[in-house]
Amino acid sequence: MKPINKISFFLALILGCTTVMISDSSCNVYKFKDVSIPVEIKTVKVNYIENKARYINPVLSPALTDKLRQKIIGQTRLVQTNGDNPDWEISGQITDYVLTTSAISGQKEAGNRLTITVHITKTDHKSDEVSEYDITRPFEFGASLSLQQAEQSMATEILRTLTDDIFNKLFSSW
């Protein structure tokens, strides 16, 4: 095969695969731009994510709850409800918030790790099924920062990452 033909072949193959991956067909192809929600599910209630960890970051629970609500409403067809009869009810709690040393240099701390664990429960009121997930994510920062300084500097990253991880656990079927 000539070099030009090989390149054309691989480009066609890549374009063809990309089209299949994002197509909206009913042939059970993995869709990277879609979430898996049964057709009969129309409403969702996201309860306040409580902080049950030993160390309490006072802004994390309300911010994480709000960010998760926004992501679900913005990226799914579900309608947020505060009523007593949602199709899906999502609740959770921050169960762990732990600071550890992650790196040592010259017998001194060089890096720290903040590890956050969130336990999420999804109750499907249509099928009476309950699914539970634990999401754990480490966040690295330099030892020169205090925990409060690290929390402030990483607040956006922490919220985005935890929200994405929770959303993916709730709505991805792969």
C-alpha atoms as a PDB file:
ATOM      1  CA  MET A   1       0.000   0.000   0.000  1.00  0.00           C
ATOM      2  CA  LYS A   2       1.350   3.466  -0.859  1.00  0.00           C
ATOM      3  CA  PRO A   3       1.977   5.941   2.014  1.00  0.00           C
ATOM      4  CA  ILE A   4      -0.804   8.273   0.804  1.00  0.00           C
ATOM      5  CA  ASN A   5      -3.284   5.388   0.648  1.00  0.00           C
ATOM      6  CA  LYS A   6      -2.319   4.282   4.173  1.00  0.00           C
ATOM      7  CA  ILE A   7      -2.883   7.766   5.539  1.00  0.00           C
ATOM      8  CA  SER A   8      -6.222   8.065   3.726  1.00  0.00           C
ATOM      9  CA  PHE A   9      -7.261   4.647   5.033  1.00  0.00           C
ATOM     10  CA  PHE A  10      -6.437   5.524   8.647  1.00  0.00           C
ATOM     11  CA  LEU A  11      -8.160   8.911   8.413  1.00  0.00           C
ATOM     12  CA  ALA A  12     -11.284   7.260   7.026  1.00  0.00           C
ATOM     13  CA  LEU A  13     -11.134   4.641   9.768  1.00  0.00           C
ATOM     14  CA  ILE A  14     -10.779   7.270  12.518  1.00  0.00           C
ATOM     15  CA  LEU A  15     -13.604   9.395  11.108  1.00  0.00           C
ATOM     16  CA  GLY A  16     -15.818   6.345  10.757  1.00  0.00           C
ATOM     17  CA  CYS A  17     -15.164   5.243  14.344  1.00  0.00           C
ATOM     18  CA  THR A  18     -15.797   8.749  15.676  1.00  0.00           C
ATOM     19  CA  THR A  19     -19.133   8.865  13.872  1.00  0.00           C
ATOM     20  CA  VAL A  20     -20.135   5.497  15.357  1.00  0.00           C
ATOM     21  CA  MET A  21     -19.112   6.524  18.885  1.00  0.00           C
ATOM     22  CA  ILE A  22     -21.269   9.649  18.925  1.00  0.00           C
ATOM     23  CA  SER A  23     -24.147   8.394  16.820  1.00  0.00           C
ATOM     24  CA  ASP A  24     -27.574   8.232  18.359  1.00  0.00           C
ATOM     25  CA  SER A  25     -28.577   4.816  17.151  1.00  0.00           C
ATOM     26  CA  SER A  26     -30.293   2.107  19.103  1.00  0.00           C
ATOM     27  CA  CYS A  27     -27.624  -0.522  18.485  1.00  0.00           C
ATOM     28  CA  ASN A  28     -26.078  -0.237  21.983  1.00  0.00           C
ATOM     29  CA  VAL A  29     -22.956   1.560  20.809  1.00  0.00           C
ATOM     30  CA  TYR A  30     -21.066   3.338  23.577  1.00  0.00           C
ATOM     31  CA  LYS A  31     -21.891   7.008  23.459  1.00  0.00           C
ATOM     32  CA  PHE A  32     -19.325   9.344  24.933  1.00  0.00           C
ATOM     33  CA  LYS A  33     -21.607  12.377  24.777  1.00  0.00           C
ATOM     34  CA  ASP A  34     -24.661  10.819  26.368  1.00  0.00           C
ATOM     35  CA  VAL A  35     -25.775   9.635  29.757  1.00  0.00           C
ATOM     36  CA  SER A  36     -27.728   6.507  30.541  1.00  0.00           C
ATOM     37  CA  ILE A  37     -31.175   7.339  31.896  1.00  0.00           C
ATOM     38  CA  PRO A  38     -34.165   5.063  31.378  1.00  0.00           C
ATOM     39  CA  VAL A  39     -36.938   6.681  29.339  1.00  0.00           C
ATOM     40  CA  GLU A  40     -39.471   6.478  32.173  1.00  0.00           C
ATOM     41  CA  ILE A  41     -37.251   8.544  34.511  1.00  0.00           C
ATOM     42  CA  LYS A  42     -38.223  12.199  34.238  1.00  0.00           C
ATOM     43  CA  THR A  43     -37.588  13.862  37.614  1.00  0.00           C
ATOM     44  CA  VAL A  44     -34.720  13.911  40.088  1.00  0.00           C
ATOM     45  CA  LYS A  45     -34.344  15.195  43.614  1.00  0.00           C
ATOM     46  CA  VAL A  46     -30.820  15.919  44.831  1.00  0.00           C
ATOM     47  CA  ASN A  47     -30.781  16.067  48.609  1.00  0.00           C
ATOM     48  CA  TYR A  48     -28.224  18.041  50.583  1.00  0.00           C
ATOM     49  CA  ILE A  49     -24.867  16.220  50.724  1.00  0.00           C
ATOM     50  CA  GLU A  50     -24.046  16.162  54.435  1.00  0.00           C
ATOM     51  CA  ASN A  51     -20.541  16.343  55.849  1.00  0.00           C
ATOM     52  CA  LYS A  52     -20.039  13.415  58.248  1.00  0.00           C
ATOM     53  CA  ALA A  53     -16.220  13.415  58.090  1.00  0.00           C
ATOM     54  CA  ARG A  54     -14.100  13.981  61.212  1.00  0.00           C
ATOM     55  CA  TYR A  55     -12.821  17.251  59.764  1.00  0.00           C
ATOM     56  CA  ILE A  56     -15.545  19.528  58.429  1.00  0.00           C
ATOM     57  CA  ASN A  57     -14.851  21.919  55.590  1.00  0.00           C
ATOM     58  CA  PRO A  58     -17.884  24.208  56.082  1.00  0.00           C
ATOM     59  CA  VAL A  59     -18.188  25.264  52.437  1.00  0.00           C
ATOM     60  CA  LEU A  60     -17.770  21.856  50.764  1.00  0.00           C
ATOM     61  CA  SER A  61     -21.222  20.341  51.435  1.00  0.00           C
ATOM     62  CA  PRO A  62     -23.362  23.229  50.158  1.00  0.00           C
ATOM     63  CA  ALA A  63     -21.045  23.898  47.208  1.00  0.00           C
ATOM     64  CA  LEU A  64     -20.893  20.219  46.174  1.00  0.00           C
ATOM     65  CA  THR A  65     -24.667  19.833  46.470  1.00  0.00           C
ATOM     66  CA  ASP A  66     -25.271  22.928  44.340  1.00  0.00           C
ATOM     67  CA  LYS A  67     -22.658  21.970  41.724  1.00  0.00           C
ATOM     68  CA  LEU A  68     -24.111  18.439  41.399  1.00  0.00           C
ATOM     69  CA  ARG A  69     -27.653  19.837  40.979  1.00  0.00           C
ATOM     70  CA  GLN A  70     -26.436  22.243  38.286  1.00  0.00           C
ATOM     71  CA  LYS A  71     -24.574  19.505  36.404  1.00  0.00           C
ATOM     72  CA  ILE A  72     -27.533  17.107  36.446  1.00  0.00           C
ATOM     73  CA  ILE A  73     -29.976  19.781  35.252  1.00  0.00           C
ATOM     74  CA  GLY A  74     -27.519  21.146  32.687  1.00  0.00           C
ATOM     75  CA  GLN A  75     -26.384  17.835  31.195  1.00  0.00           C
ATOM     76  CA  THR A  76     -29.431  15.590  31.395  1.00  0.00           C
ATOM     77  CA  ARG A  77     -33.078  15.836  30.406  1.00  0.00           C
ATOM     78  CA  LEU A  78     -34.139  15.348  34.041  1.00  0.00           C
ATOM     79  CA  VAL A  79     -36.226  17.977  35.795  1.00  0.00           C
ATOM     80  CA  GLN A  80     -35.237  18.959  39.346  1.00  0.00           C
ATOM     81  CA  THR A  81     -38.013  18.576  41.889  1.00  0.00           C
ATOM     82  CA  ASN A  82     -38.213  19.206  45.600  1.00  0.00           C
ATOM     83  CA  GLY A  83     -41.437  17.236  45.960  1.00  0.00           C
ATOM     84  CA  ASP A  84     -41.976  13.910  47.671  1.00  0.00           C
ATOM     85  CA  ASN A  85     -42.378  11.801  44.513  1.00  0.00           C
ATOM     86  CA  PRO A  86     -39.226  12.087  42.364  1.00  0.00           C
ATOM     87  CA  ASP A  87     -38.395   9.282  39.964  1.00  0.00           C
ATOM     88  CA  TRP A  88     -34.794   9.288  41.229  1.00  0.00           C
ATOM     89  CA  GLU A  89     -33.628  10.586  44.579  1.00  0.00           C
ATOM     90  CA  ILE A  90     -29.931  11.231  45.114  1.00  0.00           C
ATOM     91  CA  SER A  91     -28.467  11.721  48.544  1.00  0.00           C
ATOM     92  CA  GLY A  92     -24.996  11.555  49.937  1.00  0.00           C
ATOM     93  CA  GLN A  93     -22.509  12.364  52.593  1.00  0.00           C
ATOM     94  CA  ILE A  94     -18.865  13.260  52.798  1.00  0.00           C
ATOM     95  CA  THR A  95     -17.514  10.374  54.851  1.00  0.00           C
ATOM     96  CA  ASP A  96     -13.792  11.056  54.859  1.00  0.00           C
ATOM     97  CA  TYR A  97     -11.621  14.158  54.632  1.00  0.00           C
ATOM     98  CA  VAL A  98      -8.050  13.125  55.438  1.00  0.00           C
ATOM     99  CA  LEU A  99      -4.733  14.950  55.229  1.00  0.00           C
ATOM    100  CA  THR A 100      -1.564  12.848  54.841  1.00  0.00           C
ATOM    101  CA  THR A 101       2.054  13.447  53.896  1.00  0.00           C
ATOM    102  CA  SER A 102       2.627  12.272  50.335  1.00  0.00           C
ATOM    103  CA  ALA A 103       6.296  13.179  49.763  1.00  0.00           C
ATOM    104  CA  ILE A 104       9.421  13.599  51.871  1.00  0.00           C
ATOM    105  CA  SER A 105      12.623  15.310  50.748  1.00  0.00           C
ATOM    106  CA  GLY A 106      15.689  15.660  52.934  1.00  0.00           C
ATOM    107  CA  GLN A 107      13.797  14.278  55.939  1.00  0.00           C
ATOM    108  CA  LYS A 108      11.187  17.042  55.600  1.00  0.00           C
ATOM    109  CA  GLU A 109       7.652  17.089  54.270  1.00  0.00           C
ATOM    110  CA  ALA A 110       7.660  18.042  50.601  1.00  0.00           C
ATOM    111  CA  GLY A 111       4.085  17.258  49.636  1.00  0.00           C
ATOM    112  CA  ASN A 112       0.703  16.614  51.177  1.00  0.00           C
ATOM    113  CA  ARG A 113      -2.389  14.794  50.035  1.00  0.00           C
ATOM    114  CA  LEU A 114      -5.979  15.630  50.873  1.00  0.00           C
ATOM    115  CA  THR A 115      -8.202  12.600  50.258  1.00  0.00           C
ATOM    116  CA  ILE A 116     -11.955  13.111  50.142  1.00  0.00           C
ATOM    117  CA  THR A 117     -14.524  10.312  50.087  1.00  0.00           C
ATOM    118  CA  VAL A 118     -18.186  10.864  49.253  1.00  0.00           C
ATOM    119  CA  HIS A 119     -20.834   8.164  49.682  1.00  0.00           C
ATOM    120  CA  ILE A 120     -23.729   8.565  47.217  1.00  0.00           C
ATOM    121  CA  THR A 121     -27.075   6.778  47.250  1.00  0.00           C
ATOM    122  CA  LYS A 122     -29.394   6.751  44.232  1.00  0.00           C
ATOM    123  CA  THR A 123     -32.933   5.583  44.944  1.00  0.00           C
ATOM    124  CA  ASP A 124     -34.974   4.661  41.883  1.00  0.00           C
ATOM    125  CA  HIS A 125     -38.572   5.057  43.067  1.00  0.00           C
ATOM    126  CA  LYS A 126     -39.955   3.614  39.819  1.00  0.00           C
ATOM    127  CA  SER A 127     -38.243   0.239  40.257  1.00  0.00           C
ATOM    128  CA  ASP A 128     -37.642   0.338  44.038  1.00  0.00           C
ATOM    129  CA  GLU A 129     -33.902  -0.145  43.504  1.00  0.00           C
ATOM    130  CA  VAL A 130     -31.170   1.481  45.552  1.00  0.00           C
ATOM    131  CA  SER A 131     -27.614   1.913  44.253  1.00  0.00           C
ATOM    132  CA  GLU A 132     -24.744   3.044  46.449  1.00  0.00           C
ATOM    133  CA  TYR A 133     -21.370   4.380  45.385  1.00  0.00           C
ATOM    134  CA  ASP A 134     -18.211   5.529  47.149  1.00  0.00           C
ATOM    135  CA  ILE A 135     -16.168   8.126  45.333  1.00  0.00           C
ATOM    136  CA  THR A 136     -12.646   8.733  46.655  1.00  0.00           C
ATOM    137  CA  ARG A 137     -10.333  11.323  45.184  1.00  0.00           C
ATOM    138  CA  PRO A 138      -6.862  12.485  46.302  1.00  0.00           C
ATOM    139  CA  PHE A 139      -5.678  16.078  45.839  1.00  0.00           C
ATOM    140  CA  GLU A 140      -1.946  16.802  46.047  1.00  0.00           C
ATOM    141  CA  PHE A 141      -0.450  20.076  47.279  1.00  0.00           C
ATOM    142  CA  GLY A 142       2.889  21.402  48.493  1.00  0.00           C
ATOM    143  CA  ALA A 143       3.891  21.088  52.133  1.00  0.00           C
ATOM    144  CA  SER A 144       4.498  24.836  52.311  1.00  0.00           C
ATOM    145  CA  LEU A 145       0.720  25.388  52.249  1.00  0.00           C
ATOM    146  CA  SER A 146      -1.524  24.991  55.266  1.00  0.00           C
ATOM    147  CA  LEU A 147      -4.665  22.894  54.851  1.00  0.00           C
ATOM    148  CA  GLN A 148      -6.787  26.063  54.738  1.00  0.00           C
ATOM    149  CA  GLN A 149      -4.555  27.610  52.053  1.00  0.00           C
ATOM    150  CA  ALA A 150      -4.689  24.397  50.012  1.00  0.00           C
ATOM    151  CA  GLU A 151      -8.483  24.215  50.347  1.00  0.00           C
ATOM    152  CA  GLN A 152      -8.792  27.772  49.058  1.00  0.00           C
ATOM    153  CA  SER A 153      -6.370  27.306  46.167  1.00  0.00           C
ATOM    154  CA  MET A 154      -7.861  23.961  45.105  1.00  0.00           C
ATOM    155  CA  ALA A 155     -11.551  24.719  45.786  1.00  0.00           C
ATOM    156  CA  THR A 156     -12.526  24.891  42.109  1.00  0.00           C
ATOM    157  CA  GLU A 157     -10.596  21.715  41.228  1.00  0.00           C
ATOM    158  CA  ILE A 158     -12.024  19.812  44.208  1.00  0.00           C
ATOM    159  CA  LEU A 159     -15.617  20.737  43.343  1.00  0.00           C
ATOM    160  CA  ARG A 160     -15.239  20.066  39.625  1.00  0.00           C
ATOM    161  CA  THR A 161     -13.483  16.729  40.107  1.00  0.00           C
ATOM    162  CA  LEU A 162     -15.824  15.392  42.794  1.00  0.00           C
ATOM    163  CA  THR A 163     -18.904  16.537  40.866  1.00  0.00           C
ATOM    164  CA  ASP A 164     -17.651  14.895  37.662  1.00  0.00           C
ATOM    165  CA  ASP A 165     -16.828  11.653  39.484  1.00  0.00           C
ATOM    166  CA  ILE A 166     -20.243  11.522  41.171  1.00  0.00           C
ATOM    167  CA  PHE A 167     -22.066  12.373  37.926  1.00  0.00           C
ATOM    168  CA  ASN A 168     -20.159   9.682  36.017  1.00  0.00           C
ATOM    169  CA  LYS A 169     -20.962   7.035  38.657  1.00  0.00           C
ATOM    170  CA  LEU A 170     -24.645   7.967  38.616  1.00  0.00           C
ATOM    171  CA  PHE A 171     -25.209   8.244  34.878  1.00  0.00           C
ATOM    172  CA  SER A 172     -22.577   6.260  33.011  1.00  0.00           C
ATOM    173  CA  SER A 173     -23.379   2.722  32.026  1.00  0.00           C
ATOM    174  CA  TRP A 174     -19.755   1.810  31.259  1.00  0.00           C
END
